[in-house]
Amino acid sequence: MPARQKANPAALQSLAPFLSVTFGVTWLCWLPLLLNRQFTAGLPVLPGQFYLGSFGPLLGTLASVQMSGRQGVRQWAKRAFSPAFPLKWLLLSAGLPLAYGAVAAAVHTLITGSPPDLNKFGLTSDLPAGFNVWMTSVVWIFTFGLGEESGWRGYLLPELHKRYSLSASALLVAGVWMLWHLPAFWFNESYMGMGFGVVGWAISISYGSVVLAWICAGSRWSLIPVIIWHAIFDLLTASDQAAEVMAMVCSILVIVHGILLMRTLSRRSSRPPQE
């Protein structure tokens, strides 16, 4: 593995405002949900307020890029949403989660004796009643896709990769990503019901971060394929119906894929772009 140059300390100072804004926005957005769930506070909340918290990483990135004194938000956006990447990464970003989903649907059929109900595909009680699969997809593209990935892979990963290998950077991002979810374990039913399953969740987050880092670097640091992967994966795993079998199978497949990619990422010598 090629040696990494030591990062200029000034290059890492921008992580403080990024983390402060990212966690501050998200956790403040989730605070009423936590207080209502744990203390019956009766605080007013917006429909889908849980999803609004996903914009914390995006706002953290915009604040950090603006404060950096370099090229600013426009230059960052030009790189982050550039369509100038090999077509294969667009195909992989859509094809891989769909392949996970196909395997998961087959396992679901074997275990339950019936295939997943297409009428319930992608639907979740976390969103207002009346949302169909297309409306849910749009929500996930703009929240967990654009909102989260603008921060995790759009800013934090390339900043860390200036100092660490891509594999190490991906795992560090995973650690921050897990901590960011922490309040949800006290108000969101999906997280509260994990029990010891939280260990599997943490492992899947770690190796999911590896897979997404691989896609991001291969896509010349464009977020378009990453957002597509994240949105499709959530569509398959975050719906109410997926809680039975599909989420577990998809997570196992991501873990296996991430493990297989670790050596590839450790050898990768590409540098992230300088904003």
Protein backbone atom coordinates (compact mmCIF):
# COMPACT_ATOMS: atom_id res chain seq x y z
CA MET A 1 0.00 0.00 0.00
CA PRO A 2 1.46 3.37 -0.94
CA ALA A 3 2.44 5.61 1.91
CA ARG A 4 0.11 8.45 2.76
CA GLN A 5 1.45 11.95 3.18
CA LYS A 6 0.65 13.60 6.47
CA ALA A 7 -2.22 16.00 6.16
CA ASN A 8 -1.76 19.68 6.86
CA PRO A 9 -3.44 20.26 10.24
CA ALA A 10 -5.37 23.13 8.67
CA ALA A 11 -6.90 20.66 6.22
CA LEU A 12 -8.57 18.81 9.11
CA GLN A 13 -9.76 21.85 11.04
CA SER A 14 -12.84 22.07 8.83
CA LEU A 15 -14.12 18.82 10.35
CA ALA A 16 -15.10 20.64 13.56
CA PRO A 17 -17.69 22.93 11.94
CA PHE A 18 -18.89 20.07 9.74
CA LEU A 19 -19.51 17.79 12.70
CA SER A 20 -21.00 20.58 14.82
CA VAL A 21 -23.53 21.65 12.20
CA THR A 22 -24.29 18.10 11.06
CA PHE A 23 -25.00 16.75 14.53
CA GLY A 24 -26.54 19.99 15.79
CA VAL A 25 -29.12 20.26 13.00
CA THR A 26 -30.06 16.59 13.03
CA TRP A 27 -30.23 16.14 16.78
CA LEU A 28 -32.22 19.37 17.28
CA CYS A 29 -34.63 18.18 14.63
CA TRP A 30 -34.99 14.82 16.37
CA LEU A 31 -35.14 16.21 19.92
CA PRO A 32 -38.94 16.81 19.97
CA LEU A 33 -39.49 13.25 18.72
CA LEU A 34 -37.31 11.88 21.52
CA LEU A 35 -38.99 14.01 24.21
CA ASN A 36 -42.45 13.04 23.00
CA ARG A 37 -41.57 9.35 22.97
CA GLN A 38 -39.72 9.18 26.27
CA PHE A 39 -41.49 11.85 28.35
CA THR A 40 -44.84 12.33 26.58
CA ALA A 41 -43.90 15.98 26.15
CA GLY A 42 -46.62 16.67 23.59
CA LEU A 43 -44.35 18.89 21.52
CA PRO A 44 -45.58 19.76 18.01
CA VAL A 45 -43.79 17.94 15.20
CA LEU A 46 -44.02 18.08 11.44
CA PRO A 47 -45.11 15.10 9.35
CA GLY A 48 -41.99 13.14 8.49
CA GLN A 49 -39.83 15.16 10.89
CA PHE A 50 -37.54 12.17 11.34
CA TYR A 51 -36.60 12.46 7.67
CA LEU A 52 -35.94 16.19 7.90
CA GLY A 53 -33.05 15.39 10.23
CA SER A 54 -31.23 13.75 7.32
CA PHE A 55 -30.39 17.20 5.95
CA GLY A 56 -27.92 17.78 8.79
CA PRO A 57 -24.94 16.35 6.83
CA LEU A 58 -25.82 18.48 3.78
CA LEU A 59 -26.00 21.66 5.85
CA GLY A 60 -22.79 20.70 7.65
CA THR A 61 -21.05 20.36 4.30
CA LEU A 62 -22.35 23.67 2.96
CA ALA A 63 -21.29 25.47 6.14
CA SER A 64 -17.82 23.91 6.11
CA VAL A 65 -17.20 24.52 2.42
CA GLN A 66 -18.33 28.13 2.76
CA MET A 67 -16.05 28.67 5.77
CA SER A 68 -13.04 27.02 4.17
CA GLY A 69 -12.05 30.08 2.19
CA ARG A 70 -11.32 27.98 -0.86
CA GLN A 71 -13.55 27.79 -3.93
CA GLY A 72 -16.80 27.69 -1.99
CA VAL A 73 -20.10 25.96 -2.47
CA ARG A 74 -20.21 26.29 -6.25
CA GLN A 75 -16.92 24.46 -6.75
CA TRP A 76 -17.94 21.74 -4.32
CA ALA A 77 -21.28 21.24 -6.06
CA LYS A 78 -19.60 21.13 -9.46
CA ARG A 79 -17.51 18.18 -8.30
CA ALA A 80 -20.09 16.47 -6.12
CA PHE A 81 -22.80 16.38 -8.77
CA SER A 82 -20.65 16.01 -11.85
CA PRO A 83 -22.03 13.59 -14.47
CA ALA A 84 -18.50 13.03 -15.81
CA PHE A 85 -17.95 9.51 -14.53
CA PRO A 86 -17.81 6.11 -16.27
CA LEU A 87 -21.26 4.73 -17.08
CA LYS A 88 -20.47 1.43 -15.36
CA TRP A 89 -20.71 3.10 -11.96
CA LEU A 90 -24.23 4.28 -12.69
CA LEU A 91 -25.16 0.73 -13.66
CA LEU A 92 -23.46 -0.70 -10.58
CA SER A 93 -25.09 1.80 -8.24
CA ALA A 94 -28.54 0.75 -9.43
CA GLY A 95 -27.81 -2.89 -10.23
CA LEU A 96 -26.13 -3.91 -6.98
CA PRO A 97 -28.96 -3.00 -4.58
CA LEU A 98 -31.50 -4.45 -7.00
CA ALA A 99 -29.49 -7.69 -7.03
CA TYR A 100 -29.45 -7.68 -3.21
CA GLY A 101 -33.21 -7.15 -3.30
CA ALA A 102 -33.79 -10.02 -5.75
CA VAL A 103 -31.87 -12.44 -3.52
CA ALA A 104 -33.66 -11.10 -0.44
CA ALA A 105 -37.07 -11.55 -2.09
CA ALA A 106 -36.19 -15.14 -2.96
CA VAL A 107 -35.12 -15.85 0.64
CA HIS A 108 -38.29 -14.13 1.91
CA THR A 109 -40.36 -16.46 -0.27
CA LEU A 110 -38.52 -19.55 0.97
CA ILE A 111 -38.84 -18.61 4.64
CA THR A 112 -42.40 -17.25 4.72
CA GLY A 113 -43.86 -19.41 1.98
CA SER A 114 -45.05 -16.43 -0.06
CA PRO A 115 -43.36 -13.67 -2.06
CA PRO A 116 -43.23 -10.09 -0.77
CA ASP A 117 -46.49 -8.18 -1.27
CA LEU A 118 -45.87 -5.77 -4.15
CA ASN A 119 -48.69 -3.55 -2.88
CA LYS A 120 -46.65 -2.89 0.27
CA PHE A 121 -43.29 -2.57 -1.46
CA GLY A 122 -41.35 0.44 -0.21
CA LEU A 123 -44.11 1.70 2.09
CA THR A 124 -43.37 2.79 5.66
CA SER A 125 -45.42 4.04 8.58
CA ASP A 126 -42.69 6.63 9.25
CA LEU A 127 -44.19 8.71 6.41
CA PRO A 128 -47.69 10.25 6.28
CA ALA A 129 -50.56 7.99 5.25
CA GLY A 130 -51.30 8.00 1.54
CA PHE A 131 -47.70 7.91 0.34
CA ASN A 132 -47.19 5.43 -2.50
CA VAL A 133 -43.91 3.80 -3.52
CA TRP A 134 -43.02 6.61 -5.95
CA MET A 135 -43.56 9.33 -3.36
CA THR A 136 -41.56 7.32 -0.84
CA SER A 137 -38.74 6.92 -3.38
CA VAL A 138 -38.57 10.67 -3.92
CA VAL A 139 -38.40 11.24 -0.15
CA TRP A 140 -35.54 8.77 0.25
CA ILE A 141 -33.62 10.18 -2.73
CA PHE A 142 -33.67 13.68 -1.27
CA THR A 143 -33.27 12.77 2.42
CA PHE A 144 -31.15 9.67 3.01
CA GLY A 145 -29.70 10.06 -0.49
CA LEU A 146 -28.93 13.74 -1.08
CA GLY A 147 -29.19 14.88 2.55
CA GLU A 148 -26.88 12.28 4.06
CA GLU A 149 -24.51 11.53 1.20
CA SER A 150 -23.67 15.19 0.64
CA GLY A 151 -21.98 14.97 4.03
CA TRP A 152 -20.71 11.41 4.44
CA ARG A 153 -19.30 10.77 0.98
CA GLY A 154 -19.48 14.32 -0.36
CA TYR A 155 -17.37 15.92 2.34
CA LEU A 156 -16.24 13.74 5.25
CA LEU A 157 -14.85 10.83 3.21
CA PRO A 158 -12.63 12.94 0.90
CA GLU A 159 -11.42 15.02 3.84
CA LEU A 160 -10.37 11.91 5.77
CA HIS A 161 -8.87 10.34 2.64
CA LYS A 162 -6.37 13.18 2.45
CA ARG A 163 -4.70 11.54 5.43
CA TYR A 164 -5.83 7.90 5.56
CA SER A 165 -6.29 5.04 3.13
CA LEU A 166 -9.69 4.80 1.49
CA SER A 167 -10.61 1.72 3.54
CA ALA A 168 -9.66 3.37 6.84
CA SER A 169 -11.48 6.55 5.82
CA ALA A 170 -14.60 4.56 4.98
CA LEU A 171 -14.60 2.92 8.42
CA LEU A 172 -14.05 6.26 10.16
CA VAL A 173 -17.03 7.66 8.26
CA ALA A 174 -19.04 4.64 9.43
CA GLY A 175 -18.18 5.43 13.05
CA VAL A 176 -19.41 9.02 12.69
CA TRP A 177 -22.46 7.79 10.78
CA MET A 178 -23.41 5.39 13.59
CA LEU A 179 -22.98 8.03 16.30
CA TRP A 180 -25.16 10.43 14.28
CA HIS A 181 -28.03 7.91 14.53
CA LEU A 182 -27.78 7.68 18.32
CA PRO A 183 -30.93 9.66 19.32
CA ALA A 184 -33.07 7.48 17.05
CA PHE A 185 -32.59 4.58 19.47
CA TRP A 186 -34.80 6.43 21.96
CA PHE A 187 -37.73 7.37 19.73
CA ASN A 188 -37.79 5.48 16.40
CA GLU A 189 -39.55 2.12 16.62
CA SER A 190 -37.24 0.44 14.09
CA TYR A 191 -34.14 1.35 16.11
CA MET A 192 -35.69 0.77 19.52
CA GLY A 193 -36.69 -2.75 18.52
CA MET A 194 -33.23 -3.84 17.40
CA GLY A 195 -32.06 -5.30 20.69
CA PHE A 196 -28.88 -7.29 20.10
CA GLY A 197 -29.51 -6.78 16.40
CA VAL A 198 -27.72 -3.46 16.84
CA VAL A 199 -24.47 -5.39 16.45
CA GLY A 200 -25.49 -6.55 12.99
CA TRP A 201 -26.68 -3.03 12.19
CA ALA A 202 -23.28 -1.59 13.15
CA ILE A 203 -21.44 -4.16 11.04
CA SER A 204 -23.69 -3.51 8.04
CA ILE A 205 -23.18 0.27 8.41
CA SER A 206 -19.40 -0.28 8.46
CA TYR A 207 -19.27 -2.41 5.34
CA GLY A 208 -21.98 -0.37 3.65
CA SER A 209 -19.65 2.59 4.10
CA VAL A 210 -16.90 0.57 2.41
CA VAL A 211 -19.15 -0.23 -0.57
CA LEU A 212 -20.22 3.39 -0.90
CA ALA A 213 -16.60 4.62 -0.67
CA TRP A 214 -15.69 2.24 -3.49
CA ILE A 215 -18.52 3.58 -5.65
CA CYS A 216 -17.74 7.20 -4.79
CA ALA A 217 -14.02 6.95 -5.61
CA GLY A 218 -14.71 4.96 -8.76
CA SER A 219 -17.20 7.62 -9.84
CA ARG A 220 -14.48 10.29 -9.63
CA TRP A 221 -16.02 11.51 -6.36
CA SER A 222 -19.38 12.29 -7.91
CA LEU A 223 -22.30 11.68 -5.56
CA ILE A 224 -24.83 10.77 -8.24
CA PRO A 225 -24.17 7.00 -8.20
CA VAL A 226 -23.85 7.01 -4.40
CA ILE A 227 -27.22 8.71 -3.96
CA ILE A 228 -28.85 6.22 -6.33
CA TRP A 229 -27.38 3.24 -4.43
CA HIS A 230 -28.40 4.61 -1.05
CA ALA A 231 -31.95 5.47 -2.14
CA ILE A 232 -32.61 2.08 -3.77
CA PHE A 233 -31.11 0.20 -0.83
CA ASP A 234 -33.33 2.09 1.62
CA LEU A 235 -36.36 1.50 -0.58
CA LEU A 236 -35.68 -2.23 -0.30
CA THR A 237 -34.75 -2.38 3.39
CA ALA A 238 -36.42 0.49 5.26
CA SER A 239 -40.02 -0.34 4.38
CA ASP A 240 -42.27 -1.97 6.98
CA GLN A 241 -42.52 -5.18 4.95
CA ALA A 242 -38.72 -5.53 4.76
CA ALA A 243 -38.45 -5.90 8.53
CA GLU A 244 -39.42 -9.57 8.26
CA VAL A 245 -36.56 -10.94 6.17
CA MET A 246 -35.46 -8.65 3.36
CA ALA A 247 -33.58 -6.08 5.43
CA MET A 248 -31.53 -8.79 7.13
CA VAL A 249 -30.64 -10.55 3.87
CA CYS A 250 -29.71 -7.30 2.10
CA SER A 251 -27.53 -6.29 5.05
CA ILE A 252 -25.73 -9.65 5.02
CA LEU A 253 -25.03 -9.28 1.30
CA VAL A 254 -23.64 -5.77 1.83
CA ILE A 255 -21.38 -7.06 4.61
CA VAL A 256 -20.02 -9.81 2.36
CA HIS A 257 -19.50 -7.35 -0.48
CA GLY A 258 -17.76 -4.87 1.83
CA ILE A 259 -15.42 -7.54 3.19
CA LEU A 260 -14.45 -8.52 -0.36
CA LEU A 261 -13.74 -4.87 -1.20
CA MET A 262 -11.51 -4.08 1.79
CA ARG A 263 -8.27 -5.13 0.12
CA THR A 264 -9.18 -3.21 -3.04
CA LEU A 265 -9.78 -0.03 -1.06
CA SER A 266 -6.60 -0.47 0.99
CA ARG A 267 -4.53 -0.57 -2.20
CA ARG A 268 -6.26 2.37 -3.80
CA SER A 269 -3.92 5.33 -4.27
CA SER A 270 -6.28 7.86 -5.88
CA ARG A 271 -6.45 11.22 -4.18
CA PRO A 272 -9.68 13.07 -3.51
CA PRO A 273 -10.10 16.35 -5.41
CA GLN A 274 -9.02 19.60 -3.88
CA GLU A 275 -11.93 22.02 -3.60
